[in-house]
Amino acid sequence: MNHEEHQEHEGYKSRAGMLLKSELSQDLEALMKKVIGAAIEVHKHLGPGFLESVYEAALCHELTLQRINFERQKEIEILYKNIAIKGQRLDLVVEQQLILELKAVEAILPIHTSQVISYLKATGLRASLILNFKSRLLTAGGIKRVLL
């Protein structure tokens, strides 16, 4: 992990080469750090190459081992012109405050970011992580923070 990535994971975010203090609470930043550590542990043991469902099951087990509460495949309702549309599921919601979107793709694309922004808006949550387990190293392009 380079210096910038390390500081981003320590509660700072980088914008145009400047480091700015995160607007998230210290508790949420600490939770994100724990979850990233759990994801790195899963990736260290499994490596790239499996289906998302394998990583999801392994990450759920790791979160349980670390006593981090989560909901798996949480259904949410999408509001559209005064009706609630069901059927959308989130991969994981950690401690009722952090959305995890798990991927096993060549690269995290803008559509993946748009996807979690929509999830954040629908749930009223502020923070999410996209974790791409197909990355050679999770810390080298396999983790993306998305905040509202």
N, C-alpha and C. Protein backbone atom coordinates (compact mmCIF):
# COMPACT_ATOMS: atom_id res chain seq x y z
N MET A 1 0.85 -1.17 0.00
CA MET A 1 0.00 0.00 0.00
C MET A 1 0.90 1.23 0.00
N ASN A 2 0.66 2.14 -0.94
CA ASN A 2 1.50 3.34 -0.97
C ASN A 2 1.04 4.33 0.10
N HIS A 3 1.81 5.40 0.26
CA HIS A 3 1.54 6.38 1.31
C HIS A 3 0.14 6.97 1.19
N GLU A 4 -0.24 7.32 -0.01
CA GLU A 4 -1.56 7.92 -0.22
C GLU A 4 -2.68 6.94 0.14
N GLU A 5 -2.55 5.68 -0.30
CA GLU A 5 -3.57 4.68 0.03
C GLU A 5 -3.62 4.47 1.53
N HIS A 6 -2.46 4.43 2.20
CA HIS A 6 -2.43 4.21 3.64
C HIS A 6 -3.16 5.33 4.35
N GLN A 7 -2.88 6.57 3.97
CA GLN A 7 -3.54 7.69 4.63
C GLN A 7 -5.03 7.71 4.30
N GLU A 8 -5.41 7.29 3.10
CA GLU A 8 -6.83 7.24 2.77
C GLU A 8 -7.54 6.25 3.68
N HIS A 9 -6.87 5.14 3.98
CA HIS A 9 -7.47 4.15 4.85
C HIS A 9 -7.38 4.57 6.32
N GLU A 10 -6.60 5.57 6.66
CA GLU A 10 -6.46 6.03 8.04
C GLU A 10 -7.38 7.22 8.32
N GLY A 11 -8.39 7.44 7.50
CA GLY A 11 -9.32 8.52 7.76
C GLY A 11 -9.11 9.77 6.93
N TYR A 12 -8.22 9.69 5.98
CA TYR A 12 -7.99 10.80 5.07
C TYR A 12 -8.40 10.39 3.68
N LYS A 13 -8.76 11.35 2.88
CA LYS A 13 -9.03 11.06 1.48
C LYS A 13 -8.19 12.01 0.64
N SER A 14 -7.82 11.56 -0.53
CA SER A 14 -6.96 12.35 -1.39
C SER A 14 -7.80 13.01 -2.47
N ARG A 15 -7.54 14.28 -2.70
CA ARG A 15 -8.20 14.99 -3.78
C ARG A 15 -7.17 15.89 -4.42
N ALA A 16 -6.85 15.62 -5.68
CA ALA A 16 -5.89 16.41 -6.45
C ALA A 16 -4.56 16.53 -5.71
N GLY A 17 -4.13 15.41 -5.10
CA GLY A 17 -2.84 15.40 -4.43
C GLY A 17 -2.85 15.98 -3.03
N MET A 18 -3.98 16.54 -2.60
CA MET A 18 -4.09 17.09 -1.25
C MET A 18 -4.77 16.08 -0.36
N LEU A 19 -4.31 15.96 0.87
CA LEU A 19 -4.95 15.06 1.83
C LEU A 19 -5.92 15.87 2.68
N LEU A 20 -7.16 15.41 2.71
CA LEU A 20 -8.20 16.08 3.47
C LEU A 20 -8.74 15.13 4.53
N LYS A 21 -9.06 15.64 5.69
CA LYS A 21 -9.63 14.81 6.74
C LYS A 21 -11.01 14.34 6.29
N SER A 22 -11.31 13.05 6.56
CA SER A 22 -12.59 12.47 6.17
C SER A 22 -13.73 13.15 6.91
N GLU A 23 -14.87 13.27 6.25
CA GLU A 23 -16.07 13.81 6.87
C GLU A 23 -16.84 12.74 7.62
N LEU A 24 -16.40 11.49 7.55
CA LEU A 24 -17.07 10.40 8.24
C LEU A 24 -16.66 10.38 9.71
N SER A 25 -17.49 9.78 10.54
CA SER A 25 -17.17 9.66 11.96
C SER A 25 -15.96 8.74 12.13
N GLN A 26 -15.27 8.90 13.24
CA GLN A 26 -14.13 8.04 13.53
C GLN A 26 -14.57 6.59 13.64
N ASP A 27 -15.76 6.35 14.18
CA ASP A 27 -16.28 4.98 14.30
C ASP A 27 -16.48 4.35 12.93
N LEU A 28 -17.05 5.11 11.99
CA LEU A 28 -17.27 4.58 10.65
C LEU A 28 -15.94 4.35 9.93
N GLU A 29 -15.00 5.27 10.10
CA GLU A 29 -13.67 5.08 9.51
C GLU A 29 -13.01 3.83 10.09
N ALA A 30 -13.13 3.63 11.40
CA ALA A 30 -12.55 2.44 12.04
C ALA A 30 -13.22 1.17 11.53
N LEU A 31 -14.53 1.22 11.33
CA LEU A 31 -15.26 0.06 10.80
C LEU A 31 -14.79 -0.26 9.38
N MET A 32 -14.63 0.77 8.55
CA MET A 32 -14.15 0.55 7.19
C MET A 32 -12.77 -0.09 7.21
N LYS A 33 -11.93 0.35 8.11
CA LYS A 33 -10.58 -0.22 8.22
C LYS A 33 -10.65 -1.70 8.61
N LYS A 34 -11.51 -2.04 9.56
CA LYS A 34 -11.67 -3.44 9.98
C LYS A 34 -12.18 -4.31 8.83
N VAL A 35 -13.16 -3.79 8.10
CA VAL A 35 -13.74 -4.54 6.98
C VAL A 35 -12.71 -4.74 5.88
N ILE A 36 -11.93 -3.71 5.59
CA ILE A 36 -10.87 -3.85 4.59
C ILE A 36 -9.87 -4.91 5.05
N GLY A 37 -9.52 -4.90 6.32
CA GLY A 37 -8.62 -5.92 6.85
C GLY A 37 -9.20 -7.32 6.70
N ALA A 38 -10.49 -7.47 6.95
CA ALA A 38 -11.14 -8.78 6.78
C ALA A 38 -11.12 -9.20 5.31
N ALA A 39 -11.39 -8.26 4.41
CA ALA A 39 -11.37 -8.58 2.97
C ALA A 39 -9.96 -8.97 2.52
N ILE A 40 -8.95 -8.27 3.03
CA ILE A 40 -7.57 -8.62 2.69
C ILE A 40 -7.25 -10.02 3.19
N GLU A 41 -7.72 -10.37 4.37
CA GLU A 41 -7.49 -11.71 4.90
C GLU A 41 -8.11 -12.77 3.99
N VAL A 42 -9.33 -12.54 3.53
CA VAL A 42 -9.99 -13.47 2.61
C VAL A 42 -9.19 -13.58 1.32
N HIS A 43 -8.80 -12.45 0.77
CA HIS A 43 -8.07 -12.44 -0.50
C HIS A 43 -6.71 -13.12 -0.35
N LYS A 44 -6.07 -12.91 0.79
CA LYS A 44 -4.77 -13.53 1.05
C LYS A 44 -4.88 -15.06 1.01
N HIS A 45 -5.97 -15.59 1.53
CA HIS A 45 -6.14 -17.05 1.58
C HIS A 45 -6.69 -17.63 0.27
N LEU A 46 -7.59 -16.91 -0.39
CA LEU A 46 -8.22 -17.46 -1.59
C LEU A 46 -7.58 -16.99 -2.89
N GLY A 47 -7.05 -15.78 -2.89
CA GLY A 47 -6.50 -15.23 -4.13
C GLY A 47 -7.60 -14.92 -5.12
N PRO A 48 -7.25 -14.44 -6.32
CA PRO A 48 -8.25 -14.16 -7.35
C PRO A 48 -8.67 -15.44 -8.06
N GLY A 49 -9.83 -15.40 -8.71
CA GLY A 49 -10.22 -16.51 -9.58
C GLY A 49 -11.51 -17.22 -9.25
N PHE A 50 -12.12 -16.90 -8.12
CA PHE A 50 -13.37 -17.56 -7.76
C PHE A 50 -14.57 -16.68 -8.09
N LEU A 51 -15.75 -17.24 -7.96
CA LEU A 51 -16.99 -16.49 -8.15
C LEU A 51 -17.22 -15.55 -6.98
N GLU A 52 -17.98 -14.49 -7.22
CA GLU A 52 -18.32 -13.55 -6.16
C GLU A 52 -18.96 -14.25 -4.97
N SER A 53 -19.79 -15.25 -5.24
CA SER A 53 -20.49 -15.96 -4.15
C SER A 53 -19.50 -16.64 -3.20
N VAL A 54 -18.38 -17.12 -3.71
CA VAL A 54 -17.37 -17.74 -2.86
C VAL A 54 -16.76 -16.70 -1.94
N TYR A 55 -16.41 -15.54 -2.49
CA TYR A 55 -15.83 -14.47 -1.69
C TYR A 55 -16.84 -13.95 -0.67
N GLU A 56 -18.10 -13.88 -1.07
CA GLU A 56 -19.13 -13.41 -0.15
C GLU A 56 -19.22 -14.35 1.06
N ALA A 57 -19.28 -15.66 0.80
CA ALA A 57 -19.36 -16.63 1.90
C ALA A 57 -18.12 -16.55 2.79
N ALA A 58 -16.94 -16.44 2.18
CA ALA A 58 -15.70 -16.37 2.96
C ALA A 58 -15.64 -15.08 3.77
N LEU A 59 -16.05 -13.95 3.17
CA LEU A 59 -16.02 -12.68 3.89
C LEU A 59 -17.03 -12.71 5.03
N CYS A 60 -18.18 -13.29 4.83
CA CYS A 60 -19.16 -13.41 5.92
C CYS A 60 -18.57 -14.22 7.07
N HIS A 61 -17.88 -15.29 6.75
CA HIS A 61 -17.25 -16.10 7.79
C HIS A 61 -16.18 -15.28 8.53
N GLU A 62 -15.37 -14.55 7.77
CA GLU A 62 -14.32 -13.73 8.39
C GLU A 62 -14.93 -12.64 9.27
N LEU A 63 -15.98 -11.99 8.81
CA LEU A 63 -16.64 -10.96 9.63
C LEU A 63 -17.20 -11.58 10.91
N THR A 64 -17.76 -12.77 10.80
CA THR A 64 -18.27 -13.47 11.99
C THR A 64 -17.13 -13.77 12.96
N LEU A 65 -16.00 -14.27 12.44
CA LEU A 65 -14.85 -14.55 13.29
C LEU A 65 -14.36 -13.29 14.02
N GLN A 66 -14.46 -12.16 13.35
CA GLN A 66 -14.02 -10.89 13.94
C GLN A 66 -15.12 -10.18 14.72
N ARG A 67 -16.25 -10.86 14.87
CA ARG A 67 -17.41 -10.33 15.63
C ARG A 67 -17.89 -8.98 15.09
N ILE A 68 -17.94 -8.89 13.78
CA ILE A 68 -18.48 -7.71 13.11
C ILE A 68 -19.86 -8.09 12.59
N ASN A 69 -20.87 -7.35 13.00
CA ASN A 69 -22.25 -7.64 12.60
C ASN A 69 -22.49 -7.23 11.16
N PHE A 70 -23.29 -8.05 10.46
CA PHE A 70 -23.60 -7.76 9.06
C PHE A 70 -24.92 -8.42 8.69
N GLU A 71 -25.49 -7.94 7.61
CA GLU A 71 -26.65 -8.56 6.98
C GLU A 71 -26.24 -8.94 5.58
N ARG A 72 -26.55 -10.16 5.19
CA ARG A 72 -26.16 -10.68 3.87
C ARG A 72 -27.36 -10.68 2.95
N GLN A 73 -27.17 -10.23 1.70
CA GLN A 73 -28.23 -10.19 0.69
C GLN A 73 -29.46 -9.47 1.23
N LYS A 74 -29.23 -8.30 1.80
CA LYS A 74 -30.30 -7.50 2.41
C LYS A 74 -31.17 -6.89 1.32
N GLU A 75 -32.46 -7.19 1.40
CA GLU A 75 -33.39 -6.61 0.44
C GLU A 75 -33.73 -5.18 0.85
N ILE A 76 -33.73 -4.30 -0.14
CA ILE A 76 -34.13 -2.92 0.11
C ILE A 76 -35.29 -2.57 -0.83
N GLU A 77 -36.01 -1.54 -0.45
CA GLU A 77 -37.09 -1.05 -1.29
C GLU A 77 -36.63 0.22 -2.00
N ILE A 78 -36.96 0.31 -3.26
CA ILE A 78 -36.65 1.48 -4.06
C ILE A 78 -37.94 2.27 -4.22
N LEU A 79 -37.91 3.54 -3.83
CA LEU A 79 -39.10 4.37 -3.96
C LEU A 79 -39.15 5.00 -5.34
N TYR A 80 -40.31 4.88 -5.97
CA TYR A 80 -40.51 5.47 -7.28
C TYR A 80 -41.93 6.00 -7.35
N LYS A 81 -42.09 7.32 -7.43
CA LYS A 81 -43.39 7.98 -7.54
C LYS A 81 -44.41 7.39 -6.57
N ASN A 82 -44.03 7.42 -5.30
CA ASN A 82 -44.90 7.01 -4.20
C ASN A 82 -45.20 5.51 -4.13
N ILE A 83 -44.42 4.69 -4.82
CA ILE A 83 -44.57 3.24 -4.64
C ILE A 83 -43.21 2.67 -4.23
N ALA A 84 -43.26 1.57 -3.51
CA ALA A 84 -42.04 0.88 -3.09
C ALA A 84 -41.85 -0.34 -3.98
N ILE A 85 -40.70 -0.38 -4.64
CA ILE A 85 -40.38 -1.50 -5.52
C ILE A 85 -39.41 -2.41 -4.78
N LYS A 86 -39.78 -3.67 -4.65
CA LYS A 86 -38.93 -4.63 -3.96
C LYS A 86 -38.11 -5.42 -4.98
N GLY A 87 -37.14 -6.16 -4.47
CA GLY A 87 -36.37 -7.05 -5.33
C GLY A 87 -34.89 -6.72 -5.41
N GLN A 88 -34.50 -5.50 -4.99
CA GLN A 88 -33.08 -5.14 -5.01
C GLN A 88 -32.41 -5.66 -3.75
N ARG A 89 -31.28 -6.30 -3.90
CA ARG A 89 -30.55 -6.84 -2.75
C ARG A 89 -29.14 -6.27 -2.72
N LEU A 90 -28.69 -5.97 -1.51
CA LEU A 90 -27.33 -5.51 -1.28
C LEU A 90 -26.49 -6.71 -0.87
N ASP A 91 -25.27 -6.81 -1.35
CA ASP A 91 -24.41 -7.94 -0.99
C ASP A 91 -24.29 -8.05 0.52
N LEU A 92 -23.78 -7.00 1.15
CA LEU A 92 -23.62 -6.98 2.61
C LEU A 92 -23.86 -5.57 3.13
N VAL A 93 -24.48 -5.50 4.30
CA VAL A 93 -24.57 -4.25 5.04
C VAL A 93 -23.93 -4.53 6.39
N VAL A 94 -22.88 -3.79 6.71
CA VAL A 94 -22.09 -4.03 7.91
C VAL A 94 -22.47 -3.02 8.99
N GLU A 95 -22.79 -3.55 10.17
CA GLU A 95 -23.12 -2.71 11.34
C GLU A 95 -24.19 -1.67 11.02
N GLN A 96 -25.08 -1.97 10.10
CA GLN A 96 -26.18 -1.10 9.69
C GLN A 96 -25.72 0.27 9.19
N GLN A 97 -24.44 0.35 8.75
CA GLN A 97 -23.97 1.66 8.30
C GLN A 97 -23.02 1.65 7.11
N LEU A 98 -22.60 0.48 6.66
CA LEU A 98 -21.63 0.40 5.57
C LEU A 98 -22.08 -0.66 4.56
N ILE A 99 -22.24 -0.24 3.31
CA ILE A 99 -22.62 -1.17 2.24
C ILE A 99 -21.35 -1.73 1.61
N LEU A 100 -21.32 -3.06 1.44
CA LEU A 100 -20.23 -3.71 0.73
C LEU A 100 -20.77 -4.27 -0.56
N GLU A 101 -20.18 -3.90 -1.66
CA GLU A 101 -20.51 -4.45 -2.98
C GLU A 101 -19.32 -5.28 -3.41
N LEU A 102 -19.53 -6.58 -3.53
CA LEU A 102 -18.44 -7.49 -3.87
C LEU A 102 -18.43 -7.75 -5.37
N LYS A 103 -17.24 -7.76 -5.93
CA LYS A 103 -17.05 -7.99 -7.36
C LYS A 103 -15.94 -8.99 -7.58
N ALA A 104 -15.98 -9.66 -8.71
CA ALA A 104 -14.89 -10.50 -9.20
C ALA A 104 -14.79 -10.22 -10.70
N VAL A 105 -14.32 -9.00 -11.00
CA VAL A 105 -14.28 -8.49 -12.38
C VAL A 105 -12.88 -8.00 -12.70
N GLU A 106 -12.61 -7.75 -13.97
CA GLU A 106 -11.28 -7.29 -14.39
C GLU A 106 -10.90 -5.97 -13.72
N ALA A 107 -11.86 -5.06 -13.59
CA ALA A 107 -11.59 -3.75 -12.99
C ALA A 107 -12.90 -3.16 -12.48
N ILE A 108 -12.79 -2.32 -11.47
CA ILE A 108 -13.95 -1.58 -10.99
C ILE A 108 -14.24 -0.49 -12.01
N LEU A 109 -15.46 -0.50 -12.53
CA LEU A 109 -15.86 0.43 -13.59
C LEU A 109 -16.77 1.53 -13.04
N PRO A 110 -16.94 2.61 -13.79
CA PRO A 110 -17.85 3.67 -13.36
C PRO A 110 -19.28 3.17 -13.08
N ILE A 111 -19.74 2.16 -13.80
CA ILE A 111 -21.09 1.63 -13.55
C ILE A 111 -21.19 1.01 -12.16
N HIS A 112 -20.11 0.43 -11.67
CA HIS A 112 -20.11 -0.14 -10.32
C HIS A 112 -20.23 0.98 -9.28
N THR A 113 -19.55 2.09 -9.53
CA THR A 113 -19.66 3.24 -8.64
C THR A 113 -21.08 3.79 -8.68
N SER A 114 -21.66 3.92 -9.86
CA SER A 114 -23.04 4.39 -9.99
C SER A 114 -24.00 3.48 -9.24
N GLN A 115 -23.75 2.19 -9.31
CA GLN A 115 -24.58 1.21 -8.62
C GLN A 115 -24.60 1.47 -7.11
N VAL A 116 -23.43 1.63 -6.50
CA VAL A 116 -23.41 1.83 -5.05
C VAL A 116 -23.90 3.22 -4.65
N ILE A 117 -23.72 4.21 -5.51
CA ILE A 117 -24.30 5.52 -5.23
C ILE A 117 -25.83 5.40 -5.16
N SER A 118 -26.40 4.64 -6.07
CA SER A 118 -27.85 4.41 -6.04
C SER A 118 -28.25 3.70 -4.75
N TYR A 119 -27.47 2.73 -4.33
CA TYR A 119 -27.75 2.02 -3.07
C TYR A 119 -27.69 2.97 -1.88
N LEU A 120 -26.67 3.84 -1.87
CA LEU A 120 -26.55 4.79 -0.77
C LEU A 120 -27.75 5.73 -0.72
N LYS A 121 -28.15 6.23 -1.88
CA LYS A 121 -29.31 7.13 -1.93
C LYS A 121 -30.58 6.41 -1.47
N ALA A 122 -30.75 5.17 -1.89
CA ALA A 122 -31.96 4.41 -1.55
C ALA A 122 -32.03 4.08 -0.06
N THR A 123 -30.88 3.86 0.56
CA THR A 123 -30.86 3.45 1.97
C THR A 123 -30.66 4.61 2.93
N GLY A 124 -30.17 5.74 2.43
CA GLY A 124 -29.86 6.86 3.31
C GLY A 124 -28.52 6.70 4.02
N LEU A 125 -27.76 5.67 3.67
CA LEU A 125 -26.43 5.48 4.25
C LEU A 125 -25.43 6.38 3.53
N ARG A 126 -24.26 6.58 4.15
CA ARG A 126 -23.28 7.51 3.59
C ARG A 126 -22.04 6.85 3.01
N ALA A 127 -21.80 5.58 3.35
CA ALA A 127 -20.51 4.99 2.98
C ALA A 127 -20.67 3.59 2.42
N SER A 128 -19.82 3.31 1.44
CA SER A 128 -19.80 1.96 0.86
C SER A 128 -18.37 1.65 0.40
N LEU A 129 -18.13 0.36 0.27
CA LEU A 129 -16.88 -0.12 -0.29
C LEU A 129 -17.20 -1.06 -1.43
N ILE A 130 -16.51 -0.88 -2.54
CA ILE A 130 -16.55 -1.86 -3.62
C ILE A 130 -15.27 -2.67 -3.47
N LEU A 131 -15.41 -3.98 -3.34
CA LEU A 131 -14.26 -4.86 -3.15
C LEU A 131 -14.18 -5.79 -4.34
N ASN A 132 -13.12 -5.65 -5.14
CA ASN A 132 -12.94 -6.48 -6.33
C ASN A 132 -11.91 -7.57 -6.05
N PHE A 133 -12.41 -8.79 -5.83
CA PHE A 133 -11.55 -9.90 -5.46
C PHE A 133 -10.79 -10.50 -6.65
N LYS A 134 -11.07 -10.03 -7.85
CA LYS A 134 -10.32 -10.53 -9.00
C LYS A 134 -8.98 -9.81 -9.15
N SER A 135 -8.79 -8.76 -8.40
CA SER A 135 -7.52 -8.03 -8.42
C SER A 135 -6.39 -8.92 -7.94
N ARG A 136 -5.22 -8.73 -8.54
CA ARG A 136 -4.05 -9.50 -8.12
C ARG A 136 -3.76 -9.21 -6.65
N LEU A 137 -3.78 -7.94 -6.28
CA LEU A 137 -3.67 -7.51 -4.89
C LEU A 137 -4.89 -6.66 -4.59
N LEU A 138 -5.57 -6.97 -3.53
CA LEU A 138 -6.77 -6.21 -3.18
C LEU A 138 -6.44 -4.74 -2.95
N THR A 139 -5.27 -4.47 -2.37
CA THR A 139 -4.88 -3.09 -2.07
C THR A 139 -4.37 -2.34 -3.29
N ALA A 140 -4.28 -2.99 -4.44
CA ALA A 140 -3.81 -2.34 -5.66
C ALA A 140 -4.95 -2.28 -6.67
N GLY A 141 -5.93 -1.44 -6.40
CA GLY A 141 -7.03 -1.24 -7.33
C GLY A 141 -8.26 -2.10 -7.06
N GLY A 142 -8.23 -2.87 -6.00
CA GLY A 142 -9.37 -3.74 -5.71
C GLY A 142 -10.31 -3.21 -4.64
N ILE A 143 -10.01 -2.02 -4.12
CA ILE A 143 -10.86 -1.41 -3.09
C ILE A 143 -11.21 -0.01 -3.53
N LYS A 144 -12.49 0.31 -3.51
CA LYS A 144 -12.93 1.67 -3.85
C LYS A 144 -13.93 2.13 -2.80
N ARG A 145 -13.63 3.25 -2.18
CA ARG A 145 -14.55 3.90 -1.24
C ARG A 145 -15.52 4.76 -2.05
N VAL A 146 -16.78 4.67 -1.72
CA VAL A 146 -17.77 5.55 -2.33
C VAL A 146 -18.56 6.15 -1.19
N LEU A 147 -18.55 7.49 -1.11
CA LEU A 147 -19.20 8.20 -0.02
C LEU A 147 -20.21 9.20 -0.55
N LEU A 148 -21.26 9.40 0.20
CA LEU A 148 -22.22 10.46 -0.12
C LEU A 148 -22.16 11.53 0.94
